[in-house]
Protein backbone atom coordinates (compact mmCIF):
# COMPACT_ATOMS: atom_id res chain seq x y z
CA UNK A 1 109.88 77.96 -18.91
CA UNK A 2 106.26 77.15 -18.18
CA UNK A 3 104.59 77.70 -14.85
CA UNK A 4 102.50 74.57 -14.47
CA UNK A 5 99.38 74.07 -12.44
CA UNK A 6 98.94 70.36 -11.97
CA UNK A 7 95.52 68.99 -12.90
CA UNK A 8 93.78 66.39 -10.82
CA UNK A 9 95.60 63.10 -10.79
CA UNK A 10 93.97 60.95 -13.50
CA UNK A 11 91.96 57.91 -12.53
CA UNK A 12 94.42 55.65 -14.33
CA UNK A 13 97.46 56.95 -12.41
CA UNK A 14 97.37 53.99 -10.04
CA UNK A 15 97.47 51.73 -13.11
CA UNK A 16 100.58 53.60 -14.32
CA UNK A 17 102.31 52.99 -10.98
CA UNK A 18 101.54 49.27 -11.24
CA UNK A 19 102.04 48.98 -15.01
CA UNK A 20 104.56 51.33 -16.68
CA UNK A 21 103.07 50.50 -20.09
CA UNK A 22 100.51 53.19 -19.17
CA UNK A 23 103.26 55.79 -19.71
CA UNK A 24 101.87 57.00 -23.06
CA UNK A 25 98.41 57.63 -21.58
CA UNK A 26 99.98 59.56 -18.70
CA UNK A 27 102.21 61.54 -21.05
CA UNK A 28 99.20 62.44 -23.24
CA UNK A 29 97.13 63.44 -20.21
CA UNK A 30 99.82 65.74 -18.82
CA UNK A 31 100.52 67.31 -22.22
CA UNK A 32 96.87 68.07 -22.91
CA UNK A 33 95.57 69.00 -19.44
CA UNK A 34 98.58 70.83 -18.04
CA UNK A 35 101.06 71.84 -20.73
CA UNK A 36 99.03 72.66 -23.88
CA UNK A 37 101.32 70.32 -25.87
CA UNK A 38 104.42 72.35 -24.97
CA UNK A 39 107.70 71.20 -23.47
CA UNK A 40 107.62 72.02 -19.76
CA UNK A 41 111.11 73.54 -19.98
CA UNK A 42 111.78 75.15 -23.38
CA UNK A 43 108.11 75.69 -24.41
CA UNK A 44 108.46 74.18 -27.89
CA UNK A 45 105.54 72.31 -29.42
CA UNK A 46 105.52 68.54 -28.88
CA UNK A 47 102.98 65.92 -29.88
CA UNK A 48 103.61 63.46 -27.10
CA UNK A 49 104.79 60.53 -29.16
CA UNK A 50 107.84 58.60 -28.02
CA UNK A 51 110.04 60.27 -30.61
CA UNK A 52 109.50 63.86 -29.50
CA UNK A 53 108.80 63.71 -25.77
CA UNK A 54 109.76 62.07 -22.51
CA UNK A 55 108.01 61.72 -19.20
CA UNK A 56 110.19 63.86 -16.98
CA UNK A 57 110.82 63.48 -13.25
CA UNK A 58 111.59 66.98 -11.98
CA UNK A 59 113.43 65.53 -9.02
CA UNK A 60 115.40 62.64 -10.59
CA UNK A 61 114.19 59.26 -9.42
CA UNK A 62 117.76 58.00 -9.05
CA UNK A 63 118.45 60.63 -6.38
CA UNK A 64 114.93 61.00 -5.01
CA UNK A 65 113.28 57.56 -5.20
CA UNK A 66 110.52 58.71 -2.86
CA UNK A 67 109.36 61.15 -5.61
CA UNK A 68 109.31 58.59 -8.45
CA UNK A 69 105.54 58.04 -8.32
CA UNK A 70 104.52 61.42 -6.98
CA UNK A 71 102.21 62.88 -9.61
CA UNK A 72 103.38 66.43 -8.84
CA UNK A 73 106.93 65.43 -9.80
CA UNK A 74 105.96 64.36 -13.33
CA UNK A 75 105.97 66.59 -16.41
CA UNK A 76 106.62 66.10 -20.11
CA UNK A 77 109.66 67.55 -21.84
CA UNK A 78 110.85 67.49 -25.42
CA UNK A 79 113.31 64.76 -26.31
CA UNK A 80 115.99 67.00 -27.76
CA UNK A 81 119.40 65.57 -26.87
CA UNK A 82 121.00 68.97 -26.39
CA UNK A 83 118.53 70.57 -23.96
CA UNK A 84 115.68 69.98 -21.52
CA UNK A 85 115.09 66.55 -19.99
CA UNK A 86 117.72 64.56 -21.89
CA UNK A 87 120.31 67.26 -21.22
CA UNK A 88 119.27 67.48 -17.55
CA UNK A 89 119.51 63.71 -17.04
CA UNK A 90 119.94 63.24 -13.28
CA UNK A 91 121.21 66.74 -12.62
CA UNK A 92 119.26 68.60 -10.01
CA UNK A 93 120.02 71.24 -7.46
CA UNK A 94 118.32 72.88 -4.51
CA UNK A 95 118.38 75.92 -6.77
CA UNK A 96 116.46 74.34 -9.64
CA UNK A 97 113.13 76.05 -10.40
CA UNK A 98 110.31 73.60 -9.74
CA UNK A 99 107.61 75.07 -11.95
CA UNK A 100 104.80 73.12 -10.29
CA UNK A 101 105.61 74.91 -7.02
CA UNK A 102 106.89 78.32 -8.12
CA UNK A 103 106.56 80.67 -11.06
CA UNK A 104 109.62 80.69 -13.34
CA UNK A 105 108.80 84.32 -14.26
CA UNK A 106 109.93 85.26 -10.75
CA UNK A 107 113.44 84.08 -11.65
CA UNK A 108 113.82 84.29 -15.44
CA UNK A 109 113.59 87.04 -18.03
CA UNK A 110 114.25 87.41 -21.77
CA UNK A 111 116.42 89.53 -24.00
CA UNK A 112 115.83 90.69 -27.57
CA UNK A 113 118.75 88.47 -28.60
CA UNK A 114 116.73 85.38 -27.58
CA UNK A 115 118.57 84.64 -24.36
CA UNK A 116 116.82 83.57 -21.20
CA UNK A 117 118.51 85.31 -18.29
CA UNK A 118 118.24 85.11 -14.53
CA UNK A 119 116.58 88.17 -13.03
CA UNK A 120 119.24 90.06 -11.04
CA UNK A 121 121.63 87.13 -11.60
CA UNK A 122 119.71 85.02 -9.08
CA UNK A 123 121.15 81.56 -8.48
CA UNK A 124 117.89 79.67 -9.13
CA UNK A 125 117.56 81.18 -12.58
CA UNK A 126 121.22 80.70 -13.46
CA UNK A 127 121.39 77.06 -12.35
CA UNK A 128 118.09 76.15 -14.04
CA UNK A 129 119.22 77.70 -17.34
CA UNK A 130 122.51 75.78 -17.15
CA UNK A 131 121.00 72.43 -16.08
CA UNK A 132 118.49 72.52 -18.96
CA UNK A 133 120.69 74.29 -21.54
CA UNK A 134 117.88 76.77 -22.19
CA UNK A 135 120.17 79.05 -24.20
CA UNK A 136 120.94 76.39 -26.78
CA UNK A 137 121.54 78.01 -30.20
CA UNK A 138 118.32 76.85 -31.94
CA UNK A 139 116.17 77.96 -29.02
CA UNK A 140 117.84 81.37 -28.90
CA UNK A 141 117.33 81.84 -32.64
CA UNK A 142 113.64 80.88 -32.43
CA UNK A 143 113.04 83.22 -29.47
CA UNK A 144 114.94 86.06 -31.18
CA UNK A 145 112.79 85.66 -34.30
CA UNK A 146 109.58 85.58 -32.28
CA UNK A 147 110.68 88.59 -30.23
CA UNK A 148 111.23 90.62 -33.42
CA UNK A 149 107.84 89.56 -34.82
CA UNK A 150 106.05 90.55 -31.62
CA UNK A 151 107.73 93.97 -31.53
CA UNK A 152 106.69 94.59 -35.16
CA UNK A 153 103.10 93.65 -34.31
CA UNK A 154 103.08 95.94 -31.30
CA UNK A 155 104.37 98.83 -33.42
CA UNK A 156 101.75 98.08 -36.10
CA UNK A 157 99.05 97.98 -33.44
CA UNK A 158 97.80 94.51 -34.30
CA UNK A 159 99.32 92.33 -31.59
CA UNK A 160 95.99 91.31 -30.03
CA UNK A 161 94.64 90.11 -33.40
CA UNK A 162 97.67 87.89 -33.93
CA UNK A 163 98.29 86.39 -30.48
CA UNK A 164 96.07 83.37 -31.12
CA UNK A 165 98.56 82.18 -33.74
CA UNK A 166 101.47 81.91 -31.30
CA UNK A 167 101.43 78.56 -29.54
CA UNK A 168 105.08 78.20 -28.59
CA UNK A 169 107.03 80.26 -26.04
CA UNK A 170 104.03 81.64 -24.09
CA UNK A 171 106.30 82.97 -21.32
CA UNK A 172 108.23 85.04 -23.89
CA UNK A 173 104.97 86.29 -25.44
CA UNK A 174 103.73 87.35 -21.99
CA UNK A 175 107.07 89.04 -21.26
CA UNK A 176 106.95 91.08 -24.47
CA UNK A 177 103.28 92.02 -23.93
CA UNK A 178 104.00 93.23 -20.40
CA UNK A 179 107.23 95.07 -21.12
CA UNK A 180 106.93 96.48 -24.65
CA UNK A 181 103.29 97.32 -25.15
CA UNK A 182 102.86 101.08 -25.31
């Protein structure tokens, strides 16, 4: 899960509030300036078109209408039906990690099997994983494969030369670099 530093609110944000047809421009801005074209939750690559991404309200607007047009409450997630924003829907909890305000790495860790796990079984990590379905089978498989590749590169001594090729799962890459590098 990405830690996200919000960029300056774009000039056209006021236009978005008044005219929701500006949604694509806002989605593109957030993806490029803040998320490096990655889903804010699962860290998979997304282009930003309507088919592969959604403008996500961290705090659901149905439960928190006062946050609907707060720029800091808006991110972009992938549009997978079995995880992330679509899976989350209007689910939210006081124990949900808000990655614009706190670092997910303080609550989440990884295993070689591809699982994301809460550090010390903390409630924030556990509830966030469940709400977003971050251990969905395809995600676990992709993380497991990447984990194995990174370990091989570390053992071969060429990890630094290859890191530029890994665009997805930057939190996992950072975890492996910090915990497995000799």
